[in-house]
Amino acid sequence: MSIKTLLREKHWLSSPDEQVKVLSNHEAAGVPSFAQQLDKSGVELTPTGIDTFQVNVGKMCNQVCKHCHVDAGPDRKEIMTRETMQQILYALEGTDVKTVDLTGGAPEMNPDFRWFVEALSEQGRQIIVRCNLTIILANPKYHDLPDFFRKHGVNVVSSLPSFTARRTNAQRGNGVFEKSIEALKMLNAVGYGKADSGLKLDLVYNPSGAFLPDDQAILTQEFKQKLKESYDIVFNDLFVITNLPVSRFLDYLLNSKNYESYMDELANAYNPVAAAGVMCRNMVSISWDGYLYDCDFNQMLELKLSGNAPKHVKDFDWDKVMDREIVINQHCYGCTAGAGSSCGGATT
């Protein structure tokens, strides 16, 4: 099927190759290539260090969210094995990597999730778990997660598209908002988000459609006020993330005929300061099967580390990873538009 047909007809982008073909077709979106934009602005994307290993421990999830770039869901069978987790632990030994960021799917659904968290804690790593909140209530075996997180000082990062039920449920599924509120109260009850507790609870916001997010500072203030007033919920930071044209969101853009206008909006909002601070410069992304990528989005497009850099964590080599050329494509506009976007929110 041709790219023009993909753009014209309703079609699920079943493979990363198809997505890359669409993204690489600059003419279809009418915007310059991201490489040309970097060159024009004098920004050279090179690694500055490795502060974070971001690890996708599996694509299985108890939710099916419309914007999910991982295409996660209950039917996904990709799960990281303990052997691969051990390879990651070996790769971390002797490095200055401070943070291990665990993602999914719902990372807690991996049968070796707790073993991995405990092993990382023993290494002294700062651990982030990207928890969808509803997993805490999905099954009795997850009800003690707040206590488990507290025991290991885990930084809990949770998606909450809105402080209203209507918008959250529209994006993440019926009943998700109500369950998320209950889970947030459970986390607050063990100290998460409370002043001087040392237990960090952060929320993630992303727009519900094909437009850039509002200012992070303003949204943070609004979320804090509304959640406190309505539900007596507190949290630390709100991370505002731009929707990137990958997987389900790319499919939505194509089917709704918003692809060209959205890519044009991202390109017009390109910010060289944000480009200089993108997360691929100081992190490595690791897939459920142990392969290495510049970022989580490249992972979903199966764009592995370039050149002589190792392709799998079992072969991890610090110097070769640092010497790599970062792989880019048109989706990178999403991380460099406006105030910038990363897994930790705005970059400027």
Protein backbone atom coordinates (compact mmCIF):
# COMPACT_ATOMS: atom_id res chain seq x y z
CA MET A 1 0.00 0.00 0.00
CA SER A 2 1.39 3.43 -0.99
CA ILE A 3 1.96 6.28 1.43
CA LYS A 4 -0.71 8.33 -0.37
CA THR A 5 -3.19 5.51 0.21
CA LEU A 6 -2.19 5.31 3.86
CA LEU A 7 -2.85 9.03 4.17
CA ARG A 8 -6.15 8.88 2.30
CA GLU A 9 -7.80 5.74 3.62
CA LYS A 10 -8.59 4.45 7.08
CA HIS A 11 -5.79 2.02 7.80
CA TRP A 12 -4.25 0.67 10.97
CA LEU A 13 -0.49 1.11 10.80
CA SER A 14 0.27 -2.48 11.64
CA SER A 15 4.05 -2.27 11.47
CA PRO A 16 6.74 0.19 12.57
CA ASP A 17 8.04 0.17 8.98
CA GLU A 18 4.74 1.57 7.72
CA GLN A 19 4.84 4.31 10.35
CA VAL A 20 8.41 5.24 9.44
CA LYS A 21 7.44 5.43 5.75
CA VAL A 22 4.67 7.89 6.55
CA LEU A 23 6.88 9.97 8.84
CA SER A 24 9.74 9.99 6.32
CA ASN A 25 7.51 11.35 3.57
CA HIS A 26 8.15 15.06 4.16
CA GLU A 27 6.16 16.06 1.09
CA ALA A 28 2.98 14.52 2.52
CA ALA A 29 3.09 16.84 5.51
CA GLY A 30 4.56 19.80 3.66
CA VAL A 31 7.26 20.46 6.26
CA PRO A 32 11.06 20.33 6.06
CA SER A 33 12.83 17.26 7.37
CA PHE A 34 13.77 17.39 11.04
CA ALA A 35 17.42 17.02 10.04
CA GLN A 36 17.14 20.15 7.87
CA GLN A 37 15.51 22.02 10.74
CA LEU A 38 18.34 21.09 13.11
CA ASP A 39 20.94 22.16 10.58
CA LYS A 40 19.18 25.45 9.91
CA SER A 41 19.04 26.29 13.62
CA GLY A 42 22.62 25.18 14.28
CA VAL A 43 21.67 22.43 16.73
CA GLU A 44 23.76 19.27 16.75
CA LEU A 45 22.15 16.36 18.57
CA THR A 46 24.92 14.42 20.27
CA PRO A 47 24.87 12.42 23.51
CA THR A 48 25.79 14.43 26.61
CA GLY A 49 25.81 11.51 29.04
CA ILE A 50 23.66 8.65 30.28
CA ASP A 51 21.69 9.65 33.35
CA THR A 52 18.74 7.32 32.79
CA PHE A 53 17.95 3.82 31.59
CA GLN A 54 14.30 3.81 30.53
CA VAL A 55 13.12 0.21 30.51
CA ASN A 56 9.93 -1.11 28.96
CA VAL A 57 9.28 -4.30 30.91
CA GLY A 58 6.33 -5.35 28.76
CA LYS A 59 3.44 -4.17 26.60
CA MET A 60 0.71 -5.92 28.57
CA CYS A 61 -1.71 -3.45 30.18
CA ASN A 62 -5.10 -3.51 31.87
CA GLN A 63 -6.13 -0.45 29.82
CA VAL A 64 -6.39 0.44 26.14
CA CYS A 65 -5.82 4.21 25.83
CA LYS A 66 -6.53 6.05 22.59
CA HIS A 67 -3.27 8.02 22.64
CA CYS A 68 -0.97 5.12 23.63
CA HIS A 69 2.21 5.17 21.55
CA VAL A 70 3.11 1.70 22.86
CA ASP A 71 -0.13 0.18 21.52
CA ALA A 72 -0.40 -1.53 24.91
CA GLY A 73 -3.36 -3.62 26.04
CA PRO A 74 -4.54 -6.82 27.75
CA ASP A 75 -3.86 -8.86 24.59
CA ARG A 76 -0.16 -7.97 24.32
CA LYS A 77 2.15 -10.86 25.18
CA GLU A 78 5.52 -9.08 25.02
CA ILE A 79 6.99 -9.42 28.53
CA MET A 80 10.59 -8.88 29.65
CA THR A 81 12.20 -11.99 31.12
CA ARG A 82 14.22 -12.10 34.33
CA GLU A 83 17.24 -13.01 32.17
CA THR A 84 16.96 -9.68 30.32
CA MET A 85 16.46 -7.84 33.61
CA GLN A 86 19.67 -9.44 34.88
CA GLN A 87 21.49 -8.28 31.75
CA ILE A 88 20.32 -4.74 32.50
CA LEU A 89 21.59 -5.02 36.07
CA TYR A 90 24.98 -6.17 34.74
CA ALA A 91 25.06 -3.27 32.27
CA LEU A 92 24.35 -0.80 35.10
CA GLU A 93 27.22 -2.04 37.27
CA GLY A 94 30.11 0.38 37.42
CA THR A 95 28.19 3.18 35.68
CA ASP A 96 27.01 6.56 36.91
CA VAL A 97 23.44 5.97 35.68
CA LYS A 98 21.32 7.48 38.44
CA THR A 99 17.80 6.61 37.39
CA VAL A 100 15.98 3.57 36.03
CA ASP A 101 12.58 4.50 34.60
CA LEU A 102 10.23 1.50 34.37
CA THR A 103 7.47 1.69 31.77
CA GLY A 104 4.97 -0.57 29.99
CA GLY A 105 2.14 -1.25 29.33
CA ALA A 106 1.50 -1.55 32.99
CA PRO A 107 4.98 -2.46 34.28
CA GLU A 108 3.49 -3.98 37.44
CA MET A 109 1.94 -6.78 35.33
CA ASN A 110 5.36 -8.25 34.59
CA PRO A 111 5.67 -11.29 36.90
CA ASP A 112 9.26 -10.30 37.81
CA PHE A 113 8.47 -6.61 38.35
CA ARG A 114 8.92 -6.65 42.13
CA TRP A 115 12.11 -8.71 41.91
CA PHE A 116 13.54 -6.15 39.46
CA VAL A 117 12.57 -3.17 41.63
CA GLU A 118 14.19 -4.81 44.67
CA ALA A 119 17.39 -5.54 42.70
CA LEU A 120 17.57 -1.97 41.40
CA SER A 121 16.97 -0.67 44.91
CA GLU A 122 19.89 -2.77 46.18
CA GLN A 123 22.08 -1.14 43.50
CA GLY A 124 21.11 2.26 44.88
CA ARG A 125 19.34 3.44 41.72
CA GLN A 126 16.57 6.01 41.77
CA ILE A 127 13.52 4.14 40.49
CA ILE A 128 10.64 5.63 38.53
CA VAL A 129 7.53 3.55 37.90
CA ARG A 130 5.06 4.83 35.33
CA CYS A 131 1.90 3.55 36.97
CA ASN A 132 -1.47 3.94 35.24
CA LEU A 133 -3.14 4.07 38.70
CA THR A 134 -6.01 1.74 37.82
CA ILE A 135 -3.68 -1.27 38.05
CA ILE A 136 -3.64 -0.78 41.84
CA LEU A 137 -7.35 -1.63 41.88
CA ALA A 138 -7.39 -4.14 39.03
CA ASN A 139 -6.73 -7.20 41.16
CA PRO A 140 -6.20 -7.88 44.89
CA LYS A 141 -2.58 -8.87 44.22
CA TYR A 142 -1.88 -5.24 43.28
CA HIS A 143 -3.64 -3.59 46.24
CA ASP A 144 -0.41 -3.40 48.25
CA LEU A 145 1.51 -1.55 45.51
CA PRO A 146 1.45 1.80 47.37
CA ASP A 147 3.20 0.16 50.33
CA PHE A 148 5.65 -1.63 48.03
CA PHE A 149 6.46 1.63 46.26
CA ARG A 150 6.93 3.38 49.60
CA LYS A 151 9.25 0.66 50.92
CA HIS A 152 11.63 1.13 47.98
CA GLY A 153 11.29 4.91 47.65
CA VAL A 154 9.87 4.61 44.15
CA ASN A 155 9.01 7.85 42.31
CA VAL A 156 5.48 7.17 41.05
CA VAL A 157 4.59 8.89 37.76
CA SER A 158 0.96 8.53 36.67
CA SER A 159 -1.03 9.68 33.68
CA LEU A 160 -4.13 11.76 34.39
CA PRO A 161 -5.34 13.53 31.24
CA SER A 162 -7.73 15.77 33.14
CA PHE A 163 -9.13 16.59 36.57
CA THR A 164 -12.59 15.86 35.13
CA ALA A 165 -14.17 12.45 34.59
CA ARG A 166 -15.48 13.23 31.11
CA ARG A 167 -12.15 14.02 29.47
CA THR A 168 -10.19 11.33 31.29
CA ASN A 169 -12.67 8.56 30.52
CA ALA A 170 -12.95 9.66 26.89
CA GLN A 171 -9.21 9.20 26.44
CA ARG A 172 -8.54 6.22 28.70
CA GLY A 173 -11.80 4.29 29.02
CA ASN A 174 -15.03 4.32 31.05
CA GLY A 175 -14.51 4.39 34.79
CA VAL A 176 -10.78 5.14 34.58
CA PHE A 177 -11.10 8.55 36.22
CA GLU A 178 -12.97 7.28 39.24
CA LYS A 179 -10.48 4.43 39.75
CA SER A 180 -7.56 6.82 39.26
CA ILE A 181 -8.89 9.12 41.98
CA GLU A 182 -9.27 6.18 44.37
CA ALA A 183 -5.71 5.01 43.62
CA LEU A 184 -4.32 8.53 44.13
CA LYS A 185 -6.00 8.62 47.55
CA MET A 186 -4.34 5.29 48.40
CA LEU A 187 -0.95 6.71 47.42
CA ASN A 188 -1.57 9.86 49.45
CA ALA A 189 -2.55 7.71 52.42
CA VAL A 190 0.95 6.15 52.61
CA GLY A 191 2.63 9.56 52.19
CA TYR A 192 2.99 10.03 48.46
CA GLY A 193 2.79 13.67 47.38
CA LYS A 194 2.84 14.87 50.99
CA ALA A 195 5.25 17.60 52.07
CA ASP A 196 8.48 16.32 53.67
CA SER A 197 7.57 12.66 53.08
CA GLY A 198 10.30 12.16 50.48
CA LEU A 199 7.77 10.13 48.45
CA LYS A 200 7.34 11.73 45.06
CA LEU A 201 4.05 11.47 43.17
CA ASP A 202 3.99 13.12 39.74
CA LEU A 203 1.17 13.30 37.21
CA VAL A 204 1.36 13.34 33.42
CA TYR A 205 -0.90 15.39 31.17
CA ASN A 206 -1.15 15.15 27.40
CA PRO A 207 -3.69 16.86 25.12
CA SER A 208 -6.81 15.01 24.07
CA GLY A 209 -6.45 15.91 20.38
CA ALA A 210 -4.23 17.19 17.59
CA PHE A 211 -2.94 20.34 19.28
CA LEU A 212 -0.06 21.45 21.48
CA PRO A 213 -0.45 21.39 25.27
CA ASP A 214 -0.95 24.53 27.33
CA ASP A 215 1.73 25.99 29.57
CA GLN A 216 3.01 23.47 32.12
CA ALA A 217 3.19 25.90 35.05
CA ILE A 218 -0.39 27.09 34.51
CA LEU A 219 -1.73 23.55 34.14
CA THR A 220 0.15 22.43 37.27
CA GLN A 221 -1.47 25.16 39.34
CA GLU A 222 -4.91 24.31 37.94
CA PHE A 223 -4.54 20.56 38.54
CA LYS A 224 -3.29 21.11 42.10
CA GLN A 225 -6.19 23.42 42.93
CA LYS A 226 -8.93 21.26 41.37
CA LEU A 227 -7.73 17.93 42.77
CA LYS A 228 -7.27 19.38 46.25
CA GLU A 229 -10.62 21.15 46.32
CA SER A 230 -12.65 18.30 44.82
CA TYR A 231 -10.92 15.19 46.19
CA ASP A 232 -8.36 16.34 48.80
CA ILE A 233 -5.60 14.88 46.61
CA VAL A 234 -2.05 16.27 46.56
CA PHE A 235 0.86 15.57 44.25
CA ASN A 236 4.31 16.97 43.48
CA ASP A 237 4.76 17.88 39.80
CA LEU A 238 2.72 17.78 36.61
CA PHE A 239 4.57 16.75 33.45
CA VAL A 240 3.06 18.14 30.25
CA ILE A 241 3.84 15.93 27.25
CA THR A 242 3.13 16.62 23.58
CA ASN A 243 1.41 13.81 21.66
CA LEU A 244 3.91 12.36 19.19
CA PRO A 245 2.77 10.99 15.82
CA VAL A 246 3.50 7.35 16.67
CA SER A 247 1.30 4.22 16.81
CA ARG A 248 -2.32 4.86 17.90
CA PHE A 249 -1.97 8.64 17.81
CA LEU A 250 -0.50 8.53 14.30
CA ASP A 251 -3.38 6.31 13.27
CA TYR A 252 -5.82 8.82 14.76
CA LEU A 253 -4.14 11.67 12.85
CA LEU A 254 -4.40 9.80 9.56
CA ASN A 255 -7.99 8.65 10.05
CA SER A 256 -9.17 12.08 11.17
CA LYS A 257 -7.24 13.78 8.34
CA ASN A 258 -5.30 15.84 10.87
CA TYR A 259 -1.84 14.47 10.04
CA GLU A 260 -0.63 17.23 7.72
CA SER A 261 -1.99 20.11 9.82
CA TYR A 262 -0.60 18.61 13.04
CA MET A 263 2.86 18.06 11.58
CA ASP A 264 2.76 21.60 10.24
CA GLU A 265 1.84 22.90 13.71
CA LEU A 266 4.72 20.99 15.30
CA ALA A 267 7.21 22.21 12.71
CA ASN A 268 6.07 25.83 13.01
CA ALA A 269 6.49 25.62 16.79
CA TYR A 270 10.05 24.20 16.53
CA ASN A 271 12.20 25.63 19.33
CA PRO A 272 16.00 25.25 19.03
CA VAL A 273 16.39 25.66 22.81
CA ALA A 274 14.01 22.75 23.35
CA ALA A 275 15.88 20.77 20.68
CA ALA A 276 19.14 21.19 22.59
CA GLY A 277 17.51 19.70 25.71
CA VAL A 278 15.80 16.61 24.29
CA MET A 279 15.87 13.48 26.44
CA CYS A 280 17.66 11.29 23.87
CA ARG A 281 20.87 13.14 24.68
CA ASN A 282 21.17 11.76 28.21
CA MET A 283 19.22 8.51 28.28
CA VAL A 284 19.02 5.07 26.70
CA SER A 285 15.74 3.27 26.07
CA ILE A 286 15.58 -0.51 26.47
CA SER A 287 12.79 -2.62 24.99
CA TRP A 288 11.07 -5.61 26.58
CA ASP A 289 13.44 -7.92 24.66
CA GLY A 290 16.58 -6.00 25.60
CA TYR A 291 17.27 -3.97 22.46
CA LEU A 292 18.68 -0.45 22.75
CA TYR A 293 17.17 2.77 21.40
CA ASP A 294 17.68 6.51 21.70
CA CYS A 295 14.23 7.04 23.20
CA ASP A 296 10.92 5.35 23.88
CA PHE A 297 9.43 6.63 20.62
CA ASN A 298 12.30 5.31 18.50
CA GLN A 299 11.76 2.01 20.32
CA MET A 300 8.16 1.84 19.11
CA LEU A 301 9.35 2.58 15.56
CA GLU A 302 12.08 -0.06 15.96
CA LEU A 303 14.84 2.47 15.15
CA LYS A 304 17.73 0.91 17.07
CA LEU A 305 20.95 2.67 18.09
CA SER A 306 23.01 3.63 15.06
CA GLY A 307 26.45 2.76 13.75
CA ASN A 308 28.82 0.76 15.93
CA ALA A 309 26.75 1.25 19.08
CA PRO A 310 25.61 -2.06 20.63
CA LYS A 311 22.13 -3.11 19.63
CA HIS A 312 21.34 -5.21 22.74
CA VAL A 313 21.83 -4.55 26.44
CA LYS A 314 23.82 -7.76 26.86
CA ASP A 315 26.53 -6.09 24.74
CA PHE A 316 26.28 -2.70 26.45
CA ASP A 317 29.40 -0.57 25.99
CA TRP A 318 29.42 2.91 27.53
CA ASP A 319 31.97 4.45 25.14
CA LYS A 320 30.29 3.11 22.00
CA VAL A 321 26.87 4.27 23.17
CA MET A 322 28.26 7.73 23.91
CA ASP A 323 29.89 7.87 20.46
CA ARG A 324 26.69 7.10 18.55
CA GLU A 325 24.72 9.33 16.19
CA ILE A 326 21.18 9.84 17.48
CA VAL A 327 18.55 8.50 15.08
CA ILE A 328 15.96 11.12 14.09
CA ASN A 329 12.80 11.40 11.97
CA GLN A 330 9.78 13.68 11.68
CA HIS A 331 8.26 12.51 14.97
CA CYS A 332 11.13 14.32 16.72
CA TYR A 333 9.31 17.59 16.03
CA GLY A 334 7.00 16.60 18.90
CA CYS A 335 9.81 16.81 21.45
CA THR A 336 11.05 20.17 20.16
CA ALA A 337 7.82 22.14 19.70
CA GLY A 338 7.01 25.05 21.96
CA ALA A 339 8.36 24.51 25.48
CA GLY A 340 9.65 21.09 24.47
CA SER A 341 8.49 17.69 25.63
CA SER A 342 10.11 14.78 27.41
CA CYS A 343 9.17 11.99 29.81
CA GLY A 344 9.80 14.62 32.50
CA GLY A 345 7.56 17.23 30.87
CA ALA A 346 8.57 20.56 29.31
CA THR A 347 12.29 21.01 28.66
CA THR A 348 12.48 24.84 28.61
